[in-house]
N, C-alpha and C. Protein backbone atom coordinates (compact mmCIF):
# COMPACT_ATOMS: atom_id res chain seq x y z
N MET A 1 -9.43 17.95 15.29
CA MET A 1 -9.63 18.66 13.97
C MET A 1 -11.39 18.65 13.62
N THR A 2 -11.85 19.93 13.65
CA THR A 2 -13.00 20.11 13.52
C THR A 2 -13.60 19.61 12.24
N ASP A 3 -14.73 19.83 12.26
CA ASP A 3 -15.59 19.46 10.64
C ASP A 3 -14.92 20.45 9.69
N ALA A 4 -14.81 21.92 10.02
CA ALA A 4 -14.82 22.91 9.15
C ALA A 4 -13.24 23.14 8.69
N ASP A 5 -12.44 22.33 9.91
CA ASP A 5 -10.58 22.10 9.06
C ASP A 5 -10.72 21.44 8.35
N TYR A 6 -11.47 20.29 8.36
CA TYR A 6 -11.10 19.05 7.95
C TYR A 6 -11.79 19.60 6.40
N SER A 7 -12.63 20.03 6.08
CA SER A 7 -13.36 20.53 4.86
C SER A 7 -12.26 21.75 4.36
N ARG A 8 -11.61 22.46 5.01
CA ARG A 8 -10.82 23.40 4.65
C ARG A 8 -9.69 22.83 4.13
N LYS A 9 -8.87 22.01 4.91
CA LYS A 9 -7.93 21.08 4.08
C LYS A 9 -8.08 20.32 3.01
N LEU A 10 -9.25 19.71 2.98
CA LEU A 10 -9.37 19.21 1.65
C LEU A 10 -10.15 19.65 0.36
N ASP A 11 -10.67 20.91 0.73
CA ASP A 11 -10.73 21.70 -0.31
C ASP A 11 -9.36 22.63 -1.00
N GLU A 12 -8.89 23.11 0.07
CA GLU A 12 -6.93 23.49 -0.67
C GLU A 12 -6.44 22.30 -1.01
N LEU A 13 -6.48 21.12 -0.54
CA LEU A 13 -5.79 19.97 -1.42
C LEU A 13 -6.31 20.04 -2.97
N ASP A 14 -7.85 20.10 -2.80
CA ASP A 14 -8.26 19.83 -4.23
C ASP A 14 -8.19 20.55 -5.09
N ARG A 15 -7.92 22.20 -4.71
CA ARG A 15 -7.50 23.26 -5.58
C ARG A 15 -6.13 23.12 -6.14
N LEU A 16 -5.27 22.80 -5.17
CA LEU A 16 -3.62 22.13 -5.40
C LEU A 16 -3.86 21.31 -6.33
N LEU A 17 -4.85 20.34 -6.20
CA LEU A 17 -4.47 19.22 -7.20
C LEU A 17 -5.11 19.38 -8.64
N ASN A 18 -6.38 20.07 -8.87
CA ASN A 18 -7.15 20.21 -9.80
C ASN A 18 -7.09 21.23 -10.58
N ASP A 19 -6.93 22.49 -9.63
CA ASP A 19 -7.03 24.07 -10.27
C ASP A 19 -5.83 24.30 -11.32
N PRO A 20 -6.02 24.55 -12.76
CA PRO A 20 -5.24 24.57 -13.49
C PRO A 20 -4.22 25.97 -13.24
N ASP A 21 -4.98 27.12 -12.56
CA ASP A 21 -4.67 28.11 -12.54
C ASP A 21 -3.61 28.56 -11.05
N THR A 22 -3.59 27.39 -10.28
CA THR A 22 -2.68 26.86 -9.01
C THR A 22 -1.67 26.54 -9.31
N ARG A 23 -0.39 27.03 -8.92
CA ARG A 23 0.92 26.38 -8.70
C ARG A 23 0.89 25.05 -7.97
N LEU A 24 1.34 24.01 -8.58
CA LEU A 24 1.30 22.91 -7.87
C LEU A 24 2.56 23.20 -6.79
N GLU A 25 2.06 22.72 -5.46
CA GLU A 25 3.22 23.08 -4.38
C GLU A 25 3.35 21.16 -3.52
N PRO A 26 4.17 20.51 -4.28
CA PRO A 26 4.28 19.35 -3.61
C PRO A 26 4.37 19.04 -1.88
N SER A 27 5.11 20.05 -1.44
CA SER A 27 5.57 19.97 -0.02
C SER A 27 3.96 20.04 0.81
N ARG A 28 3.15 21.20 0.18
CA ARG A 28 1.89 21.43 1.17
C ARG A 28 0.87 20.23 0.59
N VAL A 29 0.93 19.72 -0.57
CA VAL A 29 0.00 18.57 -0.67
C VAL A 29 0.45 17.46 0.45
N TRP A 30 1.62 17.31 0.51
CA TRP A 30 2.01 16.15 1.38
C TRP A 30 1.91 16.28 2.75
N ALA A 31 2.13 17.78 3.04
CA ALA A 31 1.67 18.24 4.50
C ALA A 31 -0.23 17.82 4.64
N LEU A 32 -0.76 18.56 4.06
CA LEU A 32 -2.57 18.41 4.05
C LEU A 32 -2.45 16.76 3.87
N LEU A 33 -2.00 16.04 3.33
CA LEU A 33 -2.62 14.94 3.12
C LEU A 33 -2.07 13.93 4.29
N ALA A 34 -0.89 14.58 4.97
CA ALA A 34 -0.28 13.76 6.39
C ALA A 34 -1.32 14.40 7.46
N GLU A 35 -1.92 15.77 7.05
CA GLU A 35 -2.91 16.00 8.21
C GLU A 35 -4.13 15.44 8.34
N VAL A 36 -4.95 15.26 7.35
CA VAL A 36 -6.33 14.68 7.18
C VAL A 36 -6.11 12.81 7.40
N SER A 37 -4.91 12.27 7.09
CA SER A 37 -4.70 11.09 7.27
C SER A 37 -4.47 10.69 8.59
N ARG A 38 -4.31 11.77 9.73
CA ARG A 38 -4.34 11.73 10.85
C ARG A 38 -5.45 11.25 11.39
N VAL A 39 -6.52 11.31 10.90
CA VAL A 39 -7.76 11.63 11.57
C VAL A 39 -8.71 10.14 11.20
N GLU A 40 -8.86 9.59 12.51
CA GLU A 40 -9.44 7.97 12.41
C GLU A 40 -10.68 8.05 11.62
N GLN A 41 -11.35 8.74 11.78
CA GLN A 41 -12.71 8.83 11.17
C GLN A 41 -12.88 10.01 10.47
N PRO A 42 -12.91 10.81 9.39
CA PRO A 42 -13.38 12.03 9.48
C PRO A 42 -14.72 12.46 10.03
N PRO A 43 -14.47 13.52 10.50
CA PRO A 43 -15.62 14.56 11.19
C PRO A 43 -16.79 14.08 10.69
N GLY A 44 -17.68 14.36 11.13
CA GLY A 44 -19.14 14.08 10.41
C GLY A 44 -19.35 12.99 9.33
N ILE A 45 -18.70 12.18 9.19
CA ILE A 45 -18.81 11.40 8.06
C ILE A 45 -18.84 9.53 8.92
N THR A 46 -20.22 9.05 8.91
CA THR A 46 -20.21 8.10 9.50
C THR A 46 -19.92 6.71 8.48
N PRO A 47 -19.69 5.47 9.26
CA PRO A 47 -19.87 4.41 8.69
C PRO A 47 -20.87 4.30 7.48
N ALA A 48 -22.18 4.60 8.15
CA ALA A 48 -23.42 4.28 7.27
C ALA A 48 -23.25 5.09 6.15
N ALA A 49 -22.69 6.37 6.05
CA ALA A 49 -22.74 7.29 4.90
C ALA A 49 -21.69 6.89 4.02
N ARG A 50 -20.50 6.75 4.28
CA ARG A 50 -19.46 6.07 3.70
C ARG A 50 -19.92 5.09 2.36
N GLN A 51 -20.44 3.99 3.18
CA GLN A 51 -21.37 2.78 2.55
C GLN A 51 -22.68 3.48 1.52
N SER A 52 -23.10 4.35 1.74
CA SER A 52 -24.33 4.64 1.15
C SER A 52 -24.07 5.28 -0.29
N GLY A 53 -22.79 6.02 -0.21
CA GLY A 53 -22.54 6.43 -1.52
C GLY A 53 -23.06 8.12 -1.49
N ILE A 54 -23.41 8.68 -0.13
CA ILE A 54 -23.46 9.88 0.04
C ILE A 54 -22.40 10.65 -0.60
N PRO A 55 -22.90 11.88 -1.60
CA PRO A 55 -21.64 12.98 -2.03
C PRO A 55 -20.91 13.40 -1.08
N GLY A 56 -19.32 13.15 -0.97
CA GLY A 56 -18.68 13.95 -0.53
C GLY A 56 -18.29 13.02 0.97
N SER A 57 -18.67 11.97 0.76
CA SER A 57 -18.30 10.37 1.71
C SER A 57 -17.31 9.74 1.40
N LEU A 58 -16.40 9.02 2.10
CA LEU A 58 -15.51 8.41 1.77
C LEU A 58 -15.92 7.12 1.57
N PRO A 59 -15.20 6.40 0.57
CA PRO A 59 -15.51 4.86 0.54
C PRO A 59 -15.00 4.21 1.79
N ALA A 60 -16.05 2.95 1.81
CA ALA A 60 -15.24 2.24 2.61
C ALA A 60 -14.11 1.91 2.95
N PRO A 61 -13.44 1.22 3.77
CA PRO A 61 -11.96 0.82 3.91
C PRO A 61 -12.23 -0.46 3.30
């Protein structure tokens, strides 16, 4: 999965969960979560970035 694909999926997930004008689609939320969870380490996010608190980085596991 490319960085752009990963970002698009996270953006869609964020929209589905947080946009009050968007109808919640549980099956799509679960499908997106399954897809992004298959990525062992998110593209473009290094372990150092996760620990540094850089915006958009994931917390250390």
